[in-house]
Amino acid sequence: MRIVVDLNKCQGYAQCAFLAPDVFTMHGEEALLYNPLAAEEERDAVARAAAACPVQAITVEGLHEGAPVEPVQAFSGAPWEPRDGR
């Protein structure tokens, strides 16, 4: 599964960070950081987070297929650092 967030649409409501905190996190009050290749065990939380986004800024490729997705380069300047050290 591959997560894509349209950061131009994102308004910082943080519903995603609340529902899937190991995948999405807020940096400050408005900047969103996320792991574009979340772990398989996060699938349900990511689906809930995408559905809860008030501006529909989150797209999840391969959400229903369960097939692995090839890695992609993260577009933010900061490296992703999972909360639990994974």
PDB file of N, CA and C in Angstrom:
ATOM      1  N   MET A   1       0.851  -1.163   0.000  1.00  0.00           N
ATOM      2  CA  MET A   1       0.000   0.000   0.000  1.00  0.00           C
ATOM      3  C   MET A   1       0.899   1.228   0.000  1.00  0.00           C
ATOM      4  N   ARG A   2       0.523   2.216  -0.775  1.00  0.00           N
ATOM      5  CA  ARG A   2       1.273   3.473  -0.867  1.00  0.00           C
ATOM      6  C   ARG A   2       0.333   4.627  -0.531  1.00  0.00           C
ATOM      7  N   ILE A   3       0.791   5.482   0.367  1.00  0.00           N
ATOM      8  CA  ILE A   3      -0.008   6.623   0.805  1.00  0.00           C
ATOM      9  C   ILE A   3       0.504   7.876   0.119  1.00  0.00           C
ATOM     10  N   VAL A   4      -0.424   8.658  -0.415  1.00  0.00           N
ATOM     11  CA  VAL A   4      -0.090   9.943  -1.024  1.00  0.00           C
ATOM     12  C   VAL A   4      -1.002  10.987  -0.389  1.00  0.00           C
ATOM     13  N   VAL A   5      -0.401  12.048   0.118  1.00  0.00           N
ATOM     14  CA  VAL A   5      -1.180  13.147   0.690  1.00  0.00           C
ATOM     15  C   VAL A   5      -0.968  14.379  -0.176  1.00  0.00           C
ATOM     16  N   ASP A   6      -2.054  14.965  -0.632  1.00  0.00           N
ATOM     17  CA  ASP A   6      -1.981  16.220  -1.378  1.00  0.00           C
ATOM     18  C   ASP A   6      -1.799  17.334  -0.349  1.00  0.00           C
ATOM     19  N   LEU A   7      -0.553  17.743  -0.164  1.00  0.00           N
ATOM     20  CA  LEU A   7      -0.243  18.733   0.865  1.00  0.00           C
ATOM     21  C   LEU A   7      -0.785  20.114   0.525  1.00  0.00           C
ATOM     22  N   ASN A   8      -1.182  20.323  -0.725  1.00  0.00           N
ATOM     23  CA  ASN A   8      -1.844  21.577  -1.080  1.00  0.00           C
ATOM     24  C   ASN A   8      -3.295  21.593  -0.587  1.00  0.00           C
ATOM     25  N   LYS A   9      -3.903  20.414  -0.489  1.00  0.00           N
ATOM     26  CA  LYS A   9      -5.272  20.301   0.022  1.00  0.00           C
ATOM     27  C   LYS A   9      -5.317  20.237   1.547  1.00  0.00           C
ATOM     28  N   CYS A  10      -4.314  19.613   2.131  1.00  0.00           N
ATOM     29  CA  CYS A  10      -4.300  19.376   3.579  1.00  0.00           C
ATOM     30  C   CYS A  10      -4.431  20.697   4.333  1.00  0.00           C
ATOM     31  N   GLN A  11      -5.366  20.734   5.268  1.00  0.00           N
ATOM     32  CA  GLN A  11      -5.605  21.935   6.069  1.00  0.00           C
ATOM     33  C   GLN A  11      -5.164  21.771   7.521  1.00  0.00           C
ATOM     34  N   GLY A  12      -4.526  20.648   7.839  1.00  0.00           N
ATOM     35  CA  GLY A  12      -4.002  20.442   9.183  1.00  0.00           C
ATOM     36  C   GLY A  12      -5.042  20.105  10.236  1.00  0.00           C
ATOM     37  N   TYR A  13      -6.142  19.477   9.849  1.00  0.00           N
ATOM     38  CA  TYR A  13      -7.161  19.093  10.825  1.00  0.00           C
ATOM     39  C   TYR A  13      -6.689  17.970  11.749  1.00  0.00           C
ATOM     40  N   ALA A  14      -5.687  17.219  11.332  1.00  0.00           N
ATOM     41  CA  ALA A  14      -5.015  16.181  12.130  1.00  0.00           C
ATOM     42  C   ALA A  14      -5.872  14.959  12.434  1.00  0.00           C
ATOM     43  N   GLN A  15      -6.953  14.743  11.703  1.00  0.00           N
ATOM     44  CA  GLN A  15      -7.747  13.535  11.906  1.00  0.00           C
ATOM     45  C   GLN A  15      -6.912  12.296  11.597  1.00  0.00           C
ATOM     46  N   CYS A  16      -6.067  12.384  10.584  1.00  0.00           N
ATOM     47  CA  CYS A  16      -5.213  11.253  10.223  1.00  0.00           C
ATOM     48  C   CYS A  16      -4.228  10.936  11.345  1.00  0.00           C
ATOM     49  N   ALA A  17      -3.628  11.963  11.935  1.00  0.00           N
ATOM     50  CA  ALA A  17      -2.666  11.766  13.022  1.00  0.00           C
ATOM     51  C   ALA A  17      -3.347  11.174  14.255  1.00  0.00           C
ATOM     52  N   PHE A  18      -4.596  11.517  14.468  1.00  0.00           N
ATOM     53  CA  PHE A  18      -5.354  10.968  15.589  1.00  0.00           C
ATOM     54  C   PHE A  18      -5.686   9.493  15.353  1.00  0.00           C
ATOM     55  N   LEU A  19      -6.080   9.144  14.126  1.00  0.00           N
ATOM     56  CA  LEU A  19      -6.528   7.784  13.821  1.00  0.00           C
ATOM     57  C   LEU A  19      -5.398   6.816  13.480  1.00  0.00           C
ATOM     58  N   ALA A  20      -4.293   7.319  12.957  1.00  0.00           N
ATOM     59  CA  ALA A  20      -3.154   6.463  12.592  1.00  0.00           C
ATOM     60  C   ALA A  20      -1.851   7.156  13.003  1.00  0.00           C
ATOM     61  N   PRO A  21      -1.604   7.283  14.314  1.00  0.00           N
ATOM     62  CA  PRO A  21      -0.449   8.048  14.792  1.00  0.00           C
ATOM     63  C   PRO A  21       0.911   7.452  14.445  1.00  0.00           C
ATOM     64  N   ASP A  22       0.964   6.169  14.100  1.00  0.00           N
ATOM     65  CA  ASP A  22       2.239   5.572  13.702  1.00  0.00           C
ATOM     66  C   ASP A  22       2.555   5.823  12.233  1.00  0.00           C
ATOM     67  N   VAL A  23       1.609   6.402  11.508  1.00  0.00           N
ATOM     68  CA  VAL A  23       1.789   6.684  10.083  1.00  0.00           C
ATOM     69  C   VAL A  23       1.822   8.187   9.818  1.00  0.00           C
ATOM     70  N   PHE A  24       0.941   8.924  10.473  1.00  0.00           N
ATOM     71  CA  PHE A  24       0.821  10.369  10.268  1.00  0.00           C
ATOM     72  C   PHE A  24       1.165  11.100  11.559  1.00  0.00           C
ATOM     73  N   THR A  25       1.852  12.218  11.445  1.00  0.00           N
ATOM     74  CA  THR A  25       2.133  13.048  12.612  1.00  0.00           C
ATOM     75  C   THR A  25       2.156  14.511  12.195  1.00  0.00           C
ATOM     76  N   MET A  26       1.740  15.349  13.091  1.00  0.00           N
ATOM     77  CA  MET A  26       1.770  16.784  12.818  1.00  0.00           C
ATOM     78  C   MET A  26       3.102  17.352  13.286  1.00  0.00           C
ATOM     79  N   HIS A  27       3.682  18.194  12.470  1.00  0.00           N
ATOM     80  CA  HIS A  27       4.909  18.909  12.813  1.00  0.00           C
ATOM     81  C   HIS A  27       4.505  20.367  12.974  1.00  0.00           C
ATOM     82  N   GLY A  28       4.369  20.793  14.209  1.00  0.00           N
ATOM     83  CA  GLY A  28       3.811  22.116  14.448  1.00  0.00           C
ATOM     84  C   GLY A  28       2.299  22.046  14.351  1.00  0.00           C
ATOM     85  N   GLU A  29       1.687  23.163  14.042  1.00  0.00           N
ATOM     86  CA  GLU A  29       0.225  23.204  13.995  1.00  0.00           C
ATOM     87  C   GLU A  29      -0.354  22.855  12.637  1.00  0.00           C
ATOM     88  N   GLU A  30       0.432  22.987  11.567  1.00  0.00           N
ATOM     89  CA  GLU A  30      -0.136  22.780  10.239  1.00  0.00           C
ATOM     90  C   GLU A  30       0.627  21.817   9.343  1.00  0.00           C
ATOM     91  N   ALA A  31       1.887  21.533   9.617  1.00  0.00           N
ATOM     92  CA  ALA A  31       2.690  20.697   8.721  1.00  0.00           C
ATOM     93  C   ALA A  31       2.491  19.216   9.041  1.00  0.00           C
ATOM     94  N   LEU A  32       2.189  18.436   8.023  1.00  0.00           N
ATOM     95  CA  LEU A  32       1.967  17.003   8.178  1.00  0.00           C
ATOM     96  C   LEU A  32       3.188  16.233   7.697  1.00  0.00           C
ATOM     97  N   LEU A  33       3.631  15.279   8.497  1.00  0.00           N
ATOM     98  CA  LEU A  33       4.651  14.318   8.091  1.00  0.00           C
ATOM     99  C   LEU A  33       3.970  12.959   8.060  1.00  0.00           C
ATOM    100  N   TYR A  34       4.351  12.119   7.099  1.00  0.00           N
ATOM    101  CA  TYR A  34       3.739  10.798   7.023  1.00  0.00           C
ATOM    102  C   TYR A  34       4.688   9.810   6.376  1.00  0.00           C
ATOM    103  N   ASN A  35       4.427   8.540   6.629  1.00  0.00           N
ATOM    104  CA  ASN A  35       5.199   7.452   6.047  1.00  0.00           C
ATOM    105  C   ASN A  35       4.448   6.971   4.808  1.00  0.00           C
ATOM    106  N   PRO A  36       4.978   7.212   3.602  1.00  0.00           N
ATOM    107  CA  PRO A  36       4.245   6.823   2.393  1.00  0.00           C
ATOM    108  C   PRO A  36       4.120   5.311   2.209  1.00  0.00           C
ATOM    109  N   LEU A  37       4.949   4.539   2.903  1.00  0.00           N
ATOM    110  CA  LEU A  37       4.888   3.081   2.799  1.00  0.00           C
ATOM    111  C   LEU A  37       4.664   2.483   4.181  1.00  0.00           C
ATOM    112  N   ALA A  38       3.498   2.697   4.723  1.00  0.00           N
ATOM    113  CA  ALA A  38       3.166   2.225   6.067  1.00  0.00           C
ATOM    114  C   ALA A  38       3.166   0.701   6.120  1.00  0.00           C
ATOM    115  N   ALA A  39       3.385   0.184   7.309  1.00  0.00           N
ATOM    116  CA  ALA A  39       3.389  -1.262   7.528  1.00  0.00           C
ATOM    117  C   ALA A  39       2.000  -1.845   7.268  1.00  0.00           C
ATOM    118  N   GLU A  40       1.986  -3.096   6.856  1.00  0.00           N
ATOM    119  CA  GLU A  40       0.736  -3.785   6.537  1.00  0.00           C
ATOM    120  C   GLU A  40      -0.232  -3.787   7.720  1.00  0.00           C
ATOM    121  N   GLU A  41       0.287  -3.900   8.925  1.00  0.00           N
ATOM    122  CA  GLU A  41      -0.596  -3.926  10.098  1.00  0.00           C
ATOM    123  C   GLU A  41      -1.286  -2.585  10.354  1.00  0.00           C
ATOM    124  N   GLU A  42      -0.869  -1.549   9.650  1.00  0.00           N
ATOM    125  CA  GLU A  42      -1.497  -0.232   9.771  1.00  0.00           C
ATOM    126  C   GLU A  42      -2.621  -0.018   8.753  1.00  0.00           C
ATOM    127  N   ARG A  43      -2.899  -1.030   7.931  1.00  0.00           N
ATOM    128  CA  ARG A  43      -3.865  -0.904   6.833  1.00  0.00           C
ATOM    129  C   ARG A  43      -5.234  -0.379   7.291  1.00  0.00           C
ATOM    130  N   ASP A  44      -5.797  -0.954   8.337  1.00  0.00           N
ATOM    131  CA  ASP A  44      -7.126  -0.519   8.799  1.00  0.00           C
ATOM    132  C   ASP A  44      -7.097   0.912   9.318  1.00  0.00           C
ATOM    133  N   ALA A  45      -6.055   1.252  10.074  1.00  0.00           N
ATOM    134  CA  ALA A  45      -5.941   2.614  10.610  1.00  0.00           C
ATOM    135  C   ALA A  45      -5.776   3.625   9.483  1.00  0.00           C
ATOM    136  N   VAL A  46      -4.993   3.271   8.463  1.00  0.00           N
ATOM    137  CA  VAL A  46      -4.791   4.165   7.317  1.00  0.00           C
ATOM    138  C   VAL A  46      -6.102   4.349   6.558  1.00  0.00           C
ATOM    139  N   ALA A  47      -6.862   3.280   6.383  1.00  0.00           N
ATOM    140  CA  ALA A  47      -8.155   3.380   5.697  1.00  0.00           C
ATOM    141  C   ALA A  47      -9.100   4.303   6.460  1.00  0.00           C
ATOM    142  N   ARG A  48      -9.134   4.171   7.785  1.00  0.00           N
ATOM    143  CA  ARG A  48      -9.981   5.056   8.596  1.00  0.00           C
ATOM    144  C   ARG A  48      -9.508   6.505   8.498  1.00  0.00           C
ATOM    145  N   ALA A  49      -8.194   6.701   8.522  1.00  0.00           N
ATOM    146  CA  ALA A  49      -7.639   8.059   8.438  1.00  0.00           C
ATOM    147  C   ALA A  49      -7.988   8.711   7.104  1.00  0.00           C
ATOM    148  N   ALA A  50      -7.845   7.961   6.015  1.00  0.00           N
ATOM    149  CA  ALA A  50      -8.167   8.506   4.693  1.00  0.00           C
ATOM    150  C   ALA A  50      -9.651   8.855   4.599  1.00  0.00           C
ATOM    151  N   ALA A  51     -10.496   7.992   5.128  1.00  0.00           N
ATOM    152  CA  ALA A  51     -11.939   8.240   5.083  1.00  0.00           C
ATOM    153  C   ALA A  51     -12.338   9.434   5.947  1.00  0.00           C
ATOM    154  N   ALA A  52     -11.604   9.683   7.017  1.00  0.00           N
ATOM    155  CA  ALA A  52     -11.950  10.760   7.945  1.00  0.00           C
ATOM    156  C   ALA A  52     -11.419  12.123   7.528  1.00  0.00           C
ATOM    157  N   CYS A  53     -10.542  12.179   6.541  1.00  0.00           N
ATOM    158  CA  CYS A  53      -9.960  13.461   6.139  1.00  0.00           C
ATOM    159  C   CYS A  53     -11.062  14.384   5.613  1.00  0.00           C
ATOM    160  N   PRO A  54     -11.283  15.529   6.267  1.00  0.00           N
ATOM    161  CA  PRO A  54     -12.376  16.410   5.864  1.00  0.00           C
ATOM    162  C   PRO A  54     -12.218  17.014   4.473  1.00  0.00           C
ATOM    163  N   VAL A  55     -10.986  17.092   3.973  1.00  0.00           N
ATOM    164  CA  VAL A  55     -10.765  17.684   2.648  1.00  0.00           C
ATOM    165  C   VAL A  55     -10.336  16.634   1.623  1.00  0.00           C
ATOM    166  N   GLN A  56     -10.391  15.360   2.003  1.00  0.00           N
ATOM    167  CA  GLN A  56     -10.054  14.237   1.126  1.00  0.00           C
ATOM    168  C   GLN A  56      -8.681  14.408   0.490  1.00  0.00           C
ATOM    169  N   ALA A  57      -7.687  14.739   1.318  1.00  0.00           N
ATOM    170  CA  ALA A  57      -6.330  14.954   0.827  1.00  0.00           C
ATOM    171  C   ALA A  57      -5.515  13.667   0.769  1.00  0.00           C
ATOM    172  N   ILE A  58      -6.028  12.576   1.340  1.00  0.00           N
ATOM    173  CA  ILE A  58      -5.264  11.330   1.440  1.00  0.00           C
ATOM    174  C   ILE A  58      -5.752  10.318   0.414  1.00  0.00           C
ATOM    175  N   THR A  59      -4.816   9.813  -0.381  1.00  0.00           N
ATOM    176  CA  THR A  59      -5.087   8.742  -1.331  1.00  0.00           C
ATOM    177  C   THR A  59      -4.245   7.544  -0.916  1.00  0.00           C
ATOM    178  N   VAL A  60      -4.841   6.363  -0.940  1.00  0.00           N
ATOM    179  CA  VAL A  60      -4.105   5.157  -0.578  1.00  0.00           C
ATOM    180  C   VAL A  60      -4.160   4.205  -1.761  1.00  0.00           C
ATOM    181  N   GLU A  61      -3.030   4.038  -2.431  1.00  0.00           N
ATOM    182  CA  GLU A  61      -2.933   3.121  -3.565  1.00  0.00           C
ATOM    183  C   GLU A  61      -2.729   1.711  -3.031  1.00  0.00           C
ATOM    184  N   GLY A  62      -3.464   0.756  -3.569  1.00  0.00           N
ATOM    185  CA  GLY A  62      -3.311  -0.631  -3.160  1.00  0.00           C
ATOM    186  C   GLY A  62      -3.968  -0.951  -1.828  1.00  0.00           C
ATOM    187  N   LEU A  63      -4.868  -0.111  -1.382  1.00  0.00           N
ATOM    188  CA  LEU A  63      -5.511  -0.321  -0.084  1.00  0.00           C
ATOM    189  C   LEU A  63      -6.290  -1.626  -0.047  1.00  0.00           C
ATOM    190  N   HIS A  64      -7.012  -1.924  -1.104  1.00  0.00           N
ATOM    191  CA  HIS A  64      -7.875  -3.101  -1.098  1.00  0.00           C
ATOM    192  C   HIS A  64      -7.237  -4.331  -1.724  1.00  0.00           C
ATOM    193  N   GLU A  65      -6.157  -4.152  -2.452  1.00  0.00           N
ATOM    194  CA  GLU A  65      -5.525  -5.295  -3.097  1.00  0.00           C
ATOM    195  C   GLU A  65      -4.687  -6.111  -2.129  1.00  0.00           C
ATOM    196  N   GLY A  66      -4.047  -5.453  -1.177  1.00  0.00           N
ATOM    197  CA  GLY A  66      -3.169  -6.165  -0.261  1.00  0.00           C
ATOM    198  C   GLY A  66      -1.842  -6.527  -0.888  1.00  0.00           C
ATOM    199  N   ALA A  67      -1.601  -6.051  -2.098  1.00  0.00           N
ATOM    200  CA  ALA A  67      -0.350  -6.356  -2.786  1.00  0.00           C
ATOM    201  C   ALA A  67       0.731  -5.375  -2.358  1.00  0.00           C
ATOM    202  N   PRO A  68       1.965  -5.835  -2.281  1.00  0.00           N
ATOM    203  CA  PRO A  68       3.043  -4.913  -1.936  1.00  0.00           C
ATOM    204  C   PRO A  68       3.236  -3.868  -3.027  1.00  0.00           C
ATOM    205  N   VAL A  69       3.681  -2.712  -2.641  1.00  0.00           N
ATOM    206  CA  VAL A  69       3.925  -1.615  -3.566  1.00  0.00           C
ATOM    207  C   VAL A  69       5.408  -1.314  -3.556  1.00  0.00           C
ATOM    208  N   GLU A  70       5.969  -1.046  -4.725  1.00  0.00           N
ATOM    209  CA  GLU A  70       7.394  -0.741  -4.791  1.00  0.00           C
ATOM    210  C   GLU A  70       7.697   0.548  -4.049  1.00  0.00           C
ATOM    211  N   PRO A  71       8.849   0.607  -3.379  1.00  0.00           N
ATOM    212  CA  PRO A  71       9.214   1.816  -2.638  1.00  0.00           C
ATOM    213  C   PRO A  71       9.324   3.038  -3.541  1.00  0.00           C
ATOM    214  N   VAL A  72       9.037   4.193  -2.959  1.00  0.00           N
ATOM    215  CA  VAL A  72       9.188   5.464  -3.659  1.00  0.00           C
ATOM    216  C   VAL A  72       9.999   6.403  -2.789  1.00  0.00           C
ATOM    217  N   GLN A  73      10.575   7.403  -3.414  1.00  0.00           N
ATOM    218  CA  GLN A  73      11.315   8.425  -2.680  1.00  0.00           C
ATOM    219  C   GLN A  73      10.327   9.351  -1.983  1.00  0.00           C
ATOM    220  N   ALA A  74      10.539   9.620  -0.714  1.00  0.00           N
ATOM    221  CA  ALA A  74       9.686  10.564   0.011  1.00  0.00           C
ATOM    222  C   ALA A  74       9.912  11.957  -0.547  1.00  0.00           C
ATOM    223  N   PHE A  75       8.859  12.763  -0.595  1.00  0.00           N
ATOM    224  CA  PHE A  75       8.961  14.090  -1.177  1.00  0.00           C
ATOM    225  C   PHE A  75       9.259  15.180  -0.163  1.00  0.00           C
ATOM    226  N   SER A  76       9.061  14.905   1.111  1.00  0.00           N
ATOM    227  CA  SER A  76       9.397  15.931   2.099  1.00  0.00           C
ATOM    228  C   SER A  76      10.908  15.941   2.288  1.00  0.00           C
ATOM    229  N   GLY A  77      11.431  17.032   2.771  1.00  0.00           N
ATOM    230  CA  GLY A  77      12.868  17.134   2.965  1.00  0.00           C
ATOM    231  C   GLY A  77      13.354  16.369   4.175  1.00  0.00           C
ATOM    232  N   ALA A  78      12.461  16.029   5.089  1.00  0.00           N
ATOM    233  CA  ALA A  78      12.869  15.357   6.314  1.00  0.00           C
ATOM    234  C   ALA A  78      12.656  13.855   6.191  1.00  0.00           C
ATOM    235  N   PRO A  79      13.593  13.052   6.709  1.00  0.00           N
ATOM    236  CA  PRO A  79      13.398  11.604   6.685  1.00  0.00           C
ATOM    237  C   PRO A  79      12.304  11.195   7.659  1.00  0.00           C
ATOM    238  N   TRP A  80      11.602  10.128   7.331  1.00  0.00           N
ATOM    239  CA  TRP A  80      10.552   9.623   8.202  1.00  0.00           C
ATOM    240  C   TRP A  80      11.197   8.879   9.356  1.00  0.00           C
ATOM    241  N   GLU A  81      10.756   9.167  10.565  1.00  0.00           N
ATOM    242  CA  GLU A  81      11.241   8.478  11.749  1.00  0.00           C
ATOM    243  C   GLU A  81      10.040   7.955  12.521  1.00  0.00           C
ATOM    244  N   PRO A  82       9.765   6.637  12.420  1.00  0.00           N
ATOM    245  CA  PRO A  82       8.622   6.074  13.133  1.00  0.00           C
ATOM    246  C   PRO A  82       8.739   6.294  14.634  1.00  0.00           C
ATOM    247  N   ARG A  83       7.608   6.373  15.276  1.00  0.00           N
ATOM    248  CA  ARG A  83       7.572   6.654  16.705  1.00  0.00           C
ATOM    249  C   ARG A  83       8.162   5.533  17.540  1.00  0.00           C
ATOM    250  N   ASP A  84       8.022   4.278  17.100  1.00  0.00           N
ATOM    251  CA  ASP A  84       8.494   3.159  17.911  1.00  0.00           C
ATOM    252  C   ASP A  84       9.854   2.629  17.464  1.00  0.00           C
ATOM    253  N   GLY A  85      10.543   3.350  16.599  1.00  0.00           N
ATOM    254  CA  GLY A  85      11.889   2.969  16.186  1.00  0.00           C
ATOM    255  C   GLY A  85      11.971   1.930  15.095  1.00  0.00           C
ATOM    256  N   ARG A  86      10.836   1.592  14.448  1.00  0.00           N
ATOM    257  CA  ARG A  86      10.876   0.605  13.363  1.00  0.00           C
ATOM    258  C   ARG A  86      11.628   1.148  12.196  1.00  0.00           C
TER     259      ARG A  86
END
